C-alpha atoms as a PDB file:
ATOM      1  CA  MET A   1     -92.437 -30.232  68.597  1.00  0.00           C
ATOM      2  CA  LYS A   2     -92.405 -29.755  72.469  1.00  0.00           C
ATOM      3  CA  ALA A   3     -88.720 -29.930  73.186  1.00  0.00           C
ATOM      4  CA  VAL A   4     -87.971 -27.853  70.329  1.00  0.00           C
ATOM      5  CA  ASN A   5     -90.383 -24.796  71.554  1.00  0.00           C
ATOM      6  CA  PHE A   6     -88.923 -25.460  75.030  1.00  0.00           C
ATOM      7  CA  THR A   7     -85.665 -24.731  73.385  1.00  0.00           C
ATOM      8  CA  VAL A   8     -86.520 -21.894  71.622  1.00  0.00           C
ATOM      9  CA  GLY A   9     -87.999 -20.307  74.635  1.00  0.00           C
ATOM     10  CA  VAL A  10     -84.818 -20.679  77.113  1.00  0.00           C
ATOM     11  CA  LEU A  11     -82.713 -19.346  74.292  1.00  0.00           C
ATOM     12  CA  GLY A  12     -84.729 -16.461  73.797  1.00  0.00           C
ATOM     13  CA  LEU A  13     -85.303 -15.888  77.466  1.00  0.00           C
ATOM     14  CA  GLY A  14     -81.244 -16.060  77.788  1.00  0.00           C
ATOM     15  CA  SER A  15     -80.890 -13.395  75.316  1.00  0.00           C
ATOM     16  CA  ILE A  16     -82.840 -11.064  76.952  1.00  0.00           C
ATOM     17  CA  VAL A  17     -81.344 -11.629  80.222  1.00  0.00           C
ATOM     18  CA  LEU A  18     -77.905 -11.702  78.338  1.00  0.00           C
ATOM     19  CA  ALA A  19     -78.983  -8.377  76.818  1.00  0.00           C
ATOM     20  CA  LEU A  20     -80.295  -6.426  79.880  1.00  0.00           C
ATOM     21  CA  GLY A  21     -77.459  -7.530  81.825  1.00  0.00           C
ATOM     22  CA  GLY A  22     -74.776  -5.867  79.203  1.00  0.00           C
ATOM     23  CA  CYS A  23     -76.985  -2.336  79.110  1.00  0.00           C
ATOM     24  CA  ALA A  24     -76.576  -2.420  82.949  1.00  0.00           C
ATOM     25  CA  GLU A  25     -72.642  -2.754  82.707  1.00  0.00           C
ATOM     26  CA  GLU A  26     -72.644  -0.213  79.877  1.00  0.00           C
ATOM     27  CA  THR A  27     -73.880   2.712  82.100  1.00  0.00           C
ATOM     28  CA  ARG A  28     -70.555   3.472  83.772  1.00  0.00           C
ATOM     29  CA  PRO A  29     -67.563   1.456  81.674  1.00  0.00           C
ATOM     30  CA  ASP A  30     -64.467   3.527  83.014  1.00  0.00           C
ATOM     31  CA  VAL A  31     -65.598   3.868  86.414  1.00  0.00           C
ATOM     32  CA  PRO A  32     -64.597   0.649  88.492  1.00  0.00           C
ATOM     33  CA  SER A  33     -67.845  -1.614  89.538  1.00  0.00           C
ATOM     34  CA  ASP A  34     -66.788  -0.899  93.256  1.00  0.00           C
ATOM     35  CA  ALA A  35     -66.747   3.129  93.250  1.00  0.00           C
ATOM     36  CA  MET A  36     -69.576   4.846  94.647  1.00  0.00           C
ATOM     37  CA  GLN A  37     -71.217   7.594  93.048  1.00  0.00           C
ATOM     38  CA  VAL A  38     -70.852  10.708  95.711  1.00  0.00           C
ATOM     39  CA  SER A  39     -72.231  13.983  93.828  1.00  0.00           C
ATOM     40  CA  SER A  40     -73.116  14.796  90.271  1.00  0.00           C
ATOM     41  CA  GLY A  41     -74.876  17.754  88.522  1.00  0.00           C
ATOM     42  CA  ASP A  42     -74.805  20.465  85.933  1.00  0.00           C
ATOM     43  CA  LYS A  43     -73.009  22.745  88.296  1.00  0.00           C
ATOM     44  CA  VAL A  44     -70.186  22.916  90.974  1.00  0.00           C
ATOM     45  CA  VAL A  45     -69.707  19.153  92.059  1.00  0.00           C
ATOM     46  CA  ALA A  46     -67.424  18.657  94.956  1.00  0.00           C
ATOM     47  CA  PHE A  47     -66.579  15.856  97.556  1.00  0.00           C
ATOM     48  CA  VAL A  48     -64.743  15.426 100.564  1.00  0.00           C
ATOM     49  CA  ALA A  49     -62.619  11.835 100.833  1.00  0.00           C
ATOM     50  CA  PRO A  50     -63.663   9.795 103.937  1.00  0.00           C
ATOM     51  CA  HIS A  51     -60.931   7.579 103.036  1.00  0.00           C
ATOM     52  CA  ASP A  52     -57.913   7.161 100.933  1.00  0.00           C
ATOM     53  CA  GLY A  53     -58.577   6.427  97.545  1.00  0.00           C
ATOM     54  CA  LYS A  54     -59.326   7.096  94.224  1.00  0.00           C
ATOM     55  CA  ALA A  55     -61.810   9.547  92.343  1.00  0.00           C
ATOM     56  CA  TYR A  56     -63.273   9.680  88.694  1.00  0.00           C
ATOM     57  CA  LEU A  57     -65.125  12.752  87.122  1.00  0.00           C
ATOM     58  CA  ARG A  58     -67.322  11.360  84.696  1.00  0.00           C
ATOM     59  CA  ASP A  59     -68.829  13.521  81.869  1.00  0.00           C
ATOM     60  CA  ASP A  60     -72.483  11.933  82.517  1.00  0.00           C
ATOM     61  CA  THR A  61     -73.764  13.240  78.533  1.00  0.00           C
ATOM     62  CA  ASP A  62     -71.116  11.440  76.963  1.00  0.00           C
ATOM     63  CA  SER A  63     -70.821   8.439  78.962  1.00  0.00           C
ATOM     64  CA  ARG A  64     -66.856   8.608  79.866  1.00  0.00           C
ATOM     65  CA  VAL A  65     -64.287   9.657  82.966  1.00  0.00           C
ATOM     66  CA  VAL A  66     -62.615  12.745  82.136  1.00  0.00           C
ATOM     67  CA  TYR A  67     -60.276  13.350  85.115  1.00  0.00           C
ATOM     68  CA  SER A  68     -59.364  10.839  87.903  1.00  0.00           C
ATOM     69  CA  THR A  69     -57.293  11.407  90.512  1.00  0.00           C
ATOM     70  CA  ASP A  70     -55.521  10.068  94.242  1.00  0.00           C
ATOM     71  CA  LEU A  71     -57.036  11.398  96.974  1.00  0.00           C
ATOM     72  CA  ARG A  72     -56.133  11.126 100.622  1.00  0.00           C
ATOM     73  CA  ARG A  73     -58.326  11.136 103.614  1.00  0.00           C
ATOM     74  CA  ASP A  74     -60.128  14.814 104.189  1.00  0.00           C
ATOM     75  CA  GLN A  75     -58.997  16.099 100.531  1.00  0.00           C
ATOM     76  CA  VAL A  76     -61.543  18.028  98.663  1.00  0.00           C
ATOM     77  CA  MET A  77     -62.159  17.467  94.843  1.00  0.00           C
ATOM     78  CA  ARG A  78     -64.287  20.398  93.481  1.00  0.00           C
ATOM     79  CA  PHE A  79     -65.202  20.808  89.413  1.00  0.00           C
ATOM     80  CA  ASP A  80     -66.575  23.893  88.718  1.00  0.00           C
ATOM     81  CA  PRO A  81     -67.663  24.265  85.001  1.00  0.00           C
ATOM     82  CA  ALA A  82     -67.810  27.841  85.113  1.00  0.00           C
ATOM     83  CA  LEU A  83     -63.866  27.843  85.782  1.00  0.00           C
ATOM     84  CA  ASP A  84     -63.358  24.651  83.360  1.00  0.00           C
ATOM     85  CA  ALA A  85     -61.090  23.451  86.324  1.00  0.00           C
ATOM     86  CA  VAL A  86     -60.722  20.481  88.422  1.00  0.00           C
ATOM     87  CA  ARG A  87     -59.379  21.728  92.182  1.00  0.00           C
ATOM     88  CA  ILE A  88     -57.824  19.414  94.982  1.00  0.00           C
ATOM     89  CA  ASP A  89     -57.635  21.122  98.272  1.00  0.00           C
ATOM     90  CA  GLY A  90     -57.505  24.467  96.294  1.00  0.00           C
ATOM     91  CA  THR A  91     -55.068  23.734  93.977  1.00  0.00           C
ATOM     92  CA  THR A  92     -56.109  23.506  90.017  1.00  0.00           C
ATOM     93  CA  ALA A  93     -55.445  20.666  88.169  1.00  0.00           C
ATOM     94  CA  PRO A  94     -53.164  21.308  84.728  1.00  0.00           C
ATOM     95  CA  GLU A  95     -55.820  19.531  82.574  1.00  0.00           C
ATOM     96  CA  GLY A  96     -58.777  21.268  81.193  1.00  0.00           C
ATOM     97  CA  ILE A  97     -61.994  19.028  81.442  1.00  0.00           C
ATOM     98  CA  ALA A  98     -63.303  18.698  77.623  1.00  0.00           C
ATOM     99  CA  ASN A  99     -67.326  19.981  77.349  1.00  0.00           C
ATOM    100  CA  PRO A 100     -67.552  21.480  81.041  1.00  0.00           C
ATOM    101  CA  GLY A 101     -71.352  22.389  80.534  1.00  0.00           C
ATOM    102  CA  HIS A 102     -72.479  18.379  80.457  1.00  0.00           C
ATOM    103  CA  ASP A 103     -73.486  17.045  83.478  1.00  0.00           C
ATOM    104  CA  HIS A 104     -70.692  15.649  85.668  1.00  0.00           C
ATOM    105  CA  SER A 105     -70.323  13.039  88.600  1.00  0.00           C
ATOM    106  CA  ILE A 106     -67.890  12.087  91.153  1.00  0.00           C
ATOM    107  CA  TYR A 107     -67.383   8.517  91.760  1.00  0.00           C
ATOM    108  CA  PHE A 108     -65.275   7.227  94.637  1.00  0.00           C
ATOM    109  CA  GLU A 109     -63.214   3.677  95.245  1.00  0.00           C
ATOM    110  CA  ARG A 110     -61.702   3.689  98.475  1.00  0.00           C
ATOM    111  CA  SER A 111     -58.247   2.050  98.667  1.00  0.00           C
ATOM    112  CA  SER A 112     -57.918  -1.413  99.818  1.00  0.00           C
ATOM    113  CA  PRO A 113     -54.860  -0.762 102.369  1.00  0.00           C
ATOM    114  CA  PRO A 114     -56.102   0.666 105.718  1.00  0.00           C
ATOM    115  CA  ASP A 115     -55.435   4.464 105.690  1.00  0.00           C
ATOM    116  CA  ARG A 116     -54.789   6.575 108.787  1.00  0.00           C
ATOM    117  CA  ALA A 117     -58.304   6.870 109.694  1.00  0.00           C
ATOM    118  CA  ASP A 118     -58.177   3.090 110.279  1.00  0.00           C
ATOM    119  CA  ILE A 119     -54.658   2.715 111.788  1.00  0.00           C
ATOM    120  CA  GLY A 120     -55.406   5.768 114.624  1.00  0.00           C
ATOM    121  CA  THR A 121     -51.856   6.100 116.054  1.00  0.00           C
ATOM    122  CA  ASN A 122     -50.800   8.674 118.475  1.00  0.00           C
ATOM    123  CA  GLY A 123     -47.184   7.827 118.375  1.00  0.00           C
ATOM    124  CA  ALA A 124     -44.359  10.802 118.210  1.00  0.00           C
ATOM    125  CA  ASN A 125     -44.991  11.682 114.910  1.00  0.00           C
ATOM    126  CA  ASP A 126     -48.831  12.738 115.739  1.00  0.00           C
ATOM    127  CA  ALA A 127     -50.339  16.042 114.815  1.00  0.00           C
ATOM    128  CA  GLY A 128     -50.485  16.766 118.147  1.00  0.00           C
ATOM    129  CA  GLY A 129     -46.903  16.079 119.329  1.00  0.00           C
ATOM    130  CA  THR A 130     -48.117  14.278 122.095  1.00  0.00           C
ATOM    131  CA  GLY A 131     -45.209  11.352 121.956  1.00  0.00           C
ATOM    132  CA  THR A 132     -47.222   9.440 124.323  1.00  0.00           C
ATOM    133  CA  GLY A 133     -46.751   6.108 121.785  1.00  0.00           C
ATOM    134  CA  THR A 134     -50.188   4.727 122.877  1.00  0.00           C
ATOM    135  CA  GLN A 135     -52.179   3.075 119.851  1.00  0.00           C
ATOM    136  CA  ASN A 136     -56.104   3.802 119.439  1.00  0.00           C
ATOM    137  CA  VAL A 137     -57.885   0.605 119.061  1.00  0.00           C
ATOM    138  CA  ARG A 138     -61.442   0.864 117.271  1.00  0.00           C
ATOM    139  CA  VAL A 139     -63.973  -1.248 119.027  1.00  0.00           C
ATOM    140  CA  PRO A 140     -67.690  -1.915 117.653  1.00  0.00           C
ATOM    141  CA  VAL A 141     -70.446  -0.477 119.878  1.00  0.00           C
ATOM    142  CA  GLU A 142     -72.081  -2.658 122.622  1.00  0.00           C
ATOM    143  CA  ILE A 143     -68.578  -4.491 123.097  1.00  0.00           C
ATOM    144  CA  ASN A 144     -67.107  -3.973 126.483  1.00  0.00           C
ATOM    145  CA  VAL A 145     -63.172  -3.784 126.593  1.00  0.00           C
ATOM    146  CA  ASN A 146     -61.296  -3.926 129.539  1.00  0.00           C
ATOM    147  CA  ALA A 147     -57.807  -2.169 128.869  1.00  0.00           C
ATOM    148  CA  GLN A 148     -55.064  -2.432 131.649  1.00  0.00           C
ATOM    149  CA  THR A 149     -51.924  -0.101 131.846  1.00  0.00           C
ATOM    150  CA  GLN A 150     -48.870  -2.839 132.033  1.00  0.00           C
ATOM    151  CA  PRO A 151     -46.733  -2.235 134.734  1.00  0.00           C
ATOM    152  CA  SER A 152     -42.934  -0.397 134.140  1.00  0.00           C
ATOM    153  CA  ALA A 153     -40.344  -2.993 133.733  1.00  0.00           C
ATOM    154  CA  PRO A 154     -38.033  -2.365 136.643  1.00  0.00           C
ATOM    155  CA  ASN A 155     -34.569  -0.799 135.277  1.00  0.00           C
END
């Protein structure tokens, strides 16, 4: 008899845990689990991408993604419900947003390959046009680096 009560108790507890876990997953089913919420509200929502990645505009009232796009580092995504428009760096996306008066959130998922913020080269094609061919190296704080210039090879 004790074994039956124990089994029923374990199964009941397991069902509750599964149900609660299932509820947690249902909060944003169309957004990848590693995407972070970066902006939300019932008015204008905007976001500047810190890295290359993908942004998702989610209708929080209807619990669904209504727009998604790839963003490059420093691009601005802005949704204005009064205009019923998503803008990327000032350019209006062709799609309108259903129910623009709902609460909306922007989620961002960073791309897995390193972007130009991580690579940081200053070659001939850099924005400054220095053409030095040097490469920046990111070093964690409190690590000493002794960088020396290699002598030029004789001609």
